[in-house]
Amino acid sequence: MAEEKKNTAPAKAVTAVKKDDTKPGFFTRIGKWFREMKSELKKVVWPTGKQLMNNTLVSLGMMVISAIVVWGFDQIAQLLVKALLTLAG
């Protein structure tokens, strides 16, 4: 059987870096949060008025259709329960 040679690189020296364990102050963190939020909001692509109206109408239409479907299932279930109660009574 042939032996495989393992290529192992010599271990590199690791230099420890001392971390600064101090936590920034409360108001400093709040200020940073607001600056980052403002920066992110500048990247947002806001919809135009026409897109907003279209999306709103689509959402309302889907809600109406969903309500009609749920109402229809409720009516069918109500008829079935009444029929079962009539048969049982």
Protein backbone atom coordinates (compact mmCIF):
# COMPACT_ATOMS: atom_id res chain seq x y z
CA MET A 1 0.00 0.00 0.00
CA ALA A 2 1.21 3.43 -0.87
CA GLU A 3 1.47 6.05 1.82
CA GLU A 4 0.11 9.50 1.12
CA LYS A 5 2.20 12.47 1.98
CA LYS A 6 0.31 15.12 3.90
CA ASN A 7 1.12 18.70 3.04
CA THR A 8 0.85 20.63 6.24
CA ALA A 9 1.73 24.28 6.35
CA PRO A 10 3.61 25.51 9.38
CA ALA A 11 1.39 27.18 11.94
CA LYS A 12 1.31 30.96 11.69
CA ALA A 13 1.83 33.08 14.73
CA VAL A 14 -1.43 34.57 15.96
CA THR A 15 -1.26 38.07 17.31
CA ALA A 16 -3.86 38.84 19.94
CA VAL A 17 -5.76 42.04 19.40
CA LYS A 18 -7.08 43.69 22.51
CA LYS A 19 -10.75 44.57 22.19
CA ASP A 20 -12.15 47.74 23.61
CA ASP A 21 -14.84 46.43 25.94
CA THR A 22 -16.36 49.84 26.62
CA LYS A 23 -19.89 50.21 25.35
CA PRO A 24 -20.85 53.52 23.75
CA GLY A 25 -23.23 55.67 25.73
CA PHE A 26 -27.01 55.45 25.44
CA PHE A 27 -27.45 58.72 23.55
CA THR A 28 -24.52 57.90 21.26
CA ARG A 29 -26.19 54.64 20.28
CA ILE A 30 -29.54 56.38 19.69
CA GLY A 31 -27.84 59.00 17.52
CA LYS A 32 -26.09 56.30 15.52
CA TRP A 33 -29.37 54.45 15.05
CA PHE A 34 -31.11 57.57 13.69
CA ARG A 35 -28.20 58.33 11.33
CA GLU A 36 -28.29 54.76 9.97
CA MET A 37 -32.08 54.85 9.62
CA LYS A 38 -31.91 58.13 7.67
CA SER A 39 -29.21 56.65 5.43
CA GLU A 40 -31.32 53.55 4.71
CA LEU A 41 -34.47 55.59 4.03
CA LYS A 42 -32.61 57.55 1.36
CA LYS A 43 -32.11 54.25 -0.50
CA VAL A 44 -35.83 53.43 -0.59
CA VAL A 45 -37.56 53.71 -3.96
CA TRP A 46 -40.94 55.17 -3.10
CA PRO A 47 -43.92 54.28 -5.35
CA THR A 48 -45.53 56.91 -7.53
CA GLY A 49 -49.08 58.03 -6.87
CA LYS A 50 -50.36 55.88 -9.75
CA GLN A 51 -48.56 52.77 -8.46
CA LEU A 52 -49.86 53.41 -4.96
CA MET A 53 -53.45 53.73 -6.21
CA ASN A 54 -53.11 50.58 -8.33
CA ASN A 55 -51.68 48.55 -5.44
CA THR A 56 -54.39 49.84 -3.10
CA LEU A 57 -57.17 48.89 -5.51
CA VAL A 58 -55.70 45.43 -6.06
CA SER A 59 -55.47 44.89 -2.29
CA LEU A 60 -59.05 46.05 -1.71
CA GLY A 61 -60.28 43.86 -4.57
CA MET A 62 -58.56 40.80 -3.14
CA MET A 63 -60.03 41.51 0.29
CA VAL A 64 -63.53 41.73 -1.17
CA ILE A 65 -63.08 38.49 -3.13
CA SER A 66 -61.70 36.73 -0.02
CA ALA A 67 -64.63 37.99 2.06
CA ILE A 68 -67.11 36.67 -0.53
CA VAL A 69 -65.41 33.26 -0.61
CA VAL A 70 -65.40 33.00 3.21
CA TRP A 71 -69.06 34.12 3.31
CA GLY A 72 -69.93 31.45 0.71
CA PHE A 73 -68.22 28.69 2.70
CA ASP A 74 -69.99 29.91 5.83
CA GLN A 75 -73.37 29.75 4.10
CA ILE A 76 -72.69 26.22 2.83
CA ALA A 77 -71.56 25.11 6.31
CA GLN A 78 -74.65 26.69 7.84
CA LEU A 79 -76.91 24.79 5.43
CA LEU A 80 -75.13 21.52 6.20
CA VAL A 81 -75.46 22.02 9.96
CA LYS A 82 -79.15 22.88 9.62
CA ALA A 83 -79.71 19.78 7.45
CA LEU A 84 -77.94 17.56 10.00
CA LEU A 85 -79.97 19.05 12.85
CA THR A 86 -83.18 18.49 10.90
CA LEU A 87 -82.24 14.85 10.26
CA ALA A 88 -81.25 14.30 13.88
CA GLY A 89 -84.29 16.06 15.36
